[in-house]
Amino acid sequence: MTHDDSTPTLTVRLFAGAAAEYGADVATVQGGSVREALTDLLRGAAPDAARVIDRSSILVNAVACTDRDQELRDGDRLDVLPPFAGG
C-alpha cells in the first residue's frame, strides 16, 4: 500500500501483550479499512507481534469491530486488545 493524502491517517493503541510484542503502545498508520490499517501496522513488525495482533480484538472508535473490511475515516482510532488469560 502506498501512502498518499487520500488514505486516512489513524491512531492505533495497543494494550498488554500486543504492546509488549509490538514494542510500543501507540502507533500512527494509514489505511482505508481495518485490514489495511493492520497491514500497515504490521509492516516490519516481528512475527510474534503479528501473531498476537492477528488474534486480538479490534475496536474502532471504542466500538468492537469484527469486520476487517470496515471502512475507516481520517482520525479514527483503533484499539488492539489481545486475548486475556483468566476469567
C-alpha atoms as a PDB file:
ATOM      1  CA  MET A   1       0.000   0.000   0.000  1.00  0.00           C
ATOM      2  CA  THR A   2       1.343   3.378  -0.882  1.00  0.00           C
ATOM      3  CA  HIS A   3       0.638   6.261   1.437  1.00  0.00           C
ATOM      4  CA  ASP A   4      -0.995   9.323  -0.003  1.00  0.00           C
ATOM      5  CA  ASP A   5      -3.130  12.248   1.089  1.00  0.00           C
ATOM      6  CA  SER A   6      -6.407  10.436   0.295  1.00  0.00           C
ATOM      7  CA  THR A   7      -5.653   7.489   2.604  1.00  0.00           C
ATOM      8  CA  PRO A   8      -6.959   8.039   6.146  1.00  0.00           C
ATOM      9  CA  THR A   9      -4.401   8.508   8.917  1.00  0.00           C
ATOM     10  CA  LEU A  10      -5.288   6.682  12.131  1.00  0.00           C
ATOM     11  CA  THR A  11      -4.066   6.227  15.661  1.00  0.00           C
ATOM     12  CA  VAL A  12      -3.647   2.666  16.910  1.00  0.00           C
ATOM     13  CA  ARG A  13      -3.436   1.970  20.635  1.00  0.00           C
ATOM     14  CA  LEU A  14      -2.012  -1.412  21.610  1.00  0.00           C
ATOM     15  CA  PHE A  15      -2.605  -2.987  25.008  1.00  0.00           C
ATOM     16  CA  ALA A  16      -0.931  -5.629  27.194  1.00  0.00           C
ATOM     17  CA  GLY A  17       0.772  -8.397  25.171  1.00  0.00           C
ATOM     18  CA  ALA A  18       0.124  -6.660  21.852  1.00  0.00           C
ATOM     19  CA  ALA A  19       2.051  -3.587  23.020  1.00  0.00           C
ATOM     20  CA  ALA A  20       4.806  -5.729  24.515  1.00  0.00           C
ATOM     21  CA  GLU A  21       5.324  -7.717  21.299  1.00  0.00           C
ATOM     22  CA  TYR A  22       4.991  -4.669  19.033  1.00  0.00           C
ATOM     23  CA  GLY A  23       7.365  -2.602  21.146  1.00  0.00           C
ATOM     24  CA  ALA A  24       5.093   0.433  21.542  1.00  0.00           C
ATOM     25  CA  ASP A  25       1.657   1.207  22.887  1.00  0.00           C
ATOM     26  CA  VAL A  26       0.709   3.808  20.246  1.00  0.00           C
ATOM     27  CA  ALA A  27       1.314   3.918  16.501  1.00  0.00           C
ATOM     28  CA  THR A  28       0.162   6.072  13.602  1.00  0.00           C
ATOM     29  CA  VAL A  29      -0.837   4.180  10.468  1.00  0.00           C
ATOM     30  CA  GLN A  30      -2.703   4.688   7.224  1.00  0.00           C
ATOM     31  CA  GLY A  31      -5.496   2.575   5.796  1.00  0.00           C
ATOM     32  CA  GLY A  32      -8.913   2.834   4.217  1.00  0.00           C
ATOM     33  CA  SER A  33     -10.132  -0.253   6.084  1.00  0.00           C
ATOM     34  CA  VAL A  34      -9.328  -2.055   9.310  1.00  0.00           C
ATOM     35  CA  ARG A  35      -7.467  -4.700   7.300  1.00  0.00           C
ATOM     36  CA  GLU A  36      -5.322  -2.075   5.518  1.00  0.00           C
ATOM     37  CA  ALA A  37      -4.557  -0.282   8.786  1.00  0.00           C
ATOM     38  CA  LEU A  38      -3.462  -3.530  10.442  1.00  0.00           C
ATOM     39  CA  THR A  39      -1.333  -4.403   7.413  1.00  0.00           C
ATOM     40  CA  ASP A  40       0.373  -1.017   7.696  1.00  0.00           C
ATOM     41  CA  LEU A  41       0.818  -1.516  11.448  1.00  0.00           C
ATOM     42  CA  LEU A  42       2.488  -4.898  10.931  1.00  0.00           C
ATOM     43  CA  ARG A  43       4.798  -3.766   8.140  1.00  0.00           C
ATOM     44  CA  GLY A  44       8.236  -4.555   9.535  1.00  0.00           C
ATOM     45  CA  ALA A  45       6.906  -5.854  12.869  1.00  0.00           C
ATOM     46  CA  ALA A  46       8.280  -9.031  14.432  1.00  0.00           C
ATOM     47  CA  PRO A  47       6.448 -12.308  13.675  1.00  0.00           C
ATOM     48  CA  ASP A  48       5.402 -12.623  17.330  1.00  0.00           C
ATOM     49  CA  ALA A  49       3.777  -9.186  17.167  1.00  0.00           C
ATOM     50  CA  ALA A  50       1.877 -10.180  14.029  1.00  0.00           C
ATOM     51  CA  ARG A  51       0.674 -13.386  15.687  1.00  0.00           C
ATOM     52  CA  VAL A  52      -0.632 -11.596  18.797  1.00  0.00           C
ATOM     53  CA  ILE A  53      -2.229  -8.734  16.851  1.00  0.00           C
ATOM     54  CA  ASP A  54      -3.890 -11.159  14.412  1.00  0.00           C
ATOM     55  CA  ARG A  55      -5.622 -12.904  17.350  1.00  0.00           C
ATOM     56  CA  SER A  56      -6.581  -9.646  19.082  1.00  0.00           C
ATOM     57  CA  SER A  57      -9.964  -7.964  19.323  1.00  0.00           C
ATOM     58  CA  ILE A  58     -10.163  -4.691  17.428  1.00  0.00           C
ATOM     59  CA  LEU A  59     -12.175  -1.675  18.484  1.00  0.00           C
ATOM     60  CA  VAL A  60     -12.885   1.202  16.100  1.00  0.00           C
ATOM     61  CA  ASN A  61     -13.567   4.411  17.992  1.00  0.00           C
ATOM     62  CA  ALA A  62     -14.248   2.320  21.150  1.00  0.00           C
ATOM     63  CA  VAL A  63     -16.760   0.009  19.408  1.00  0.00           C
ATOM     64  CA  ALA A  64     -15.969  -3.690  18.859  1.00  0.00           C
ATOM     65  CA  CYS A  65     -15.293  -4.452  15.205  1.00  0.00           C
ATOM     66  CA  THR A  66     -15.360  -7.957  13.731  1.00  0.00           C
ATOM     67  CA  ASP A  67     -15.390  -6.801  10.083  1.00  0.00           C
ATOM     68  CA  ARG A  68     -11.784  -6.324   8.975  1.00  0.00           C
ATOM     69  CA  ASP A  69     -13.119  -4.701   5.783  1.00  0.00           C
ATOM     70  CA  GLN A  70     -14.886  -1.911   7.710  1.00  0.00           C
ATOM     71  CA  GLU A  71     -14.077   1.438   6.134  1.00  0.00           C
ATOM     72  CA  LEU A  72     -12.140   3.984   8.155  1.00  0.00           C
ATOM     73  CA  ARG A  73     -12.009   7.769   8.096  1.00  0.00           C
ATOM     74  CA  ASP A  74      -9.187  10.152   8.813  1.00  0.00           C
ATOM     75  CA  GLY A  75      -8.748  10.484  12.580  1.00  0.00           C
ATOM     76  CA  ASP A  76     -10.401   7.178  13.530  1.00  0.00           C
ATOM     77  CA  ARG A  77      -8.817   5.273  16.419  1.00  0.00           C
ATOM     78  CA  LEU A  78      -8.161   1.540  16.558  1.00  0.00           C
ATOM     79  CA  ASP A  79      -7.605  -0.266  19.842  1.00  0.00           C
ATOM     80  CA  VAL A  80      -5.858  -3.659  19.752  1.00  0.00           C
ATOM     81  CA  LEU A  81      -6.849  -5.837  22.724  1.00  0.00           C
ATOM     82  CA  PRO A  82      -5.079  -9.192  22.897  1.00  0.00           C
ATOM     83  CA  PRO A  83      -6.788 -12.242  24.404  1.00  0.00           C
ATOM     84  CA  PHE A  84      -6.571 -12.186  28.181  1.00  0.00           C
ATOM     85  CA  ALA A  85      -5.987 -15.281  30.294  1.00  0.00           C
ATOM     86  CA  GLY A  86      -8.174 -15.955  33.279  1.00  0.00           C
ATOM     87  CA  GLY A  87     -11.751 -15.058  33.828  1.00  0.00           C
END
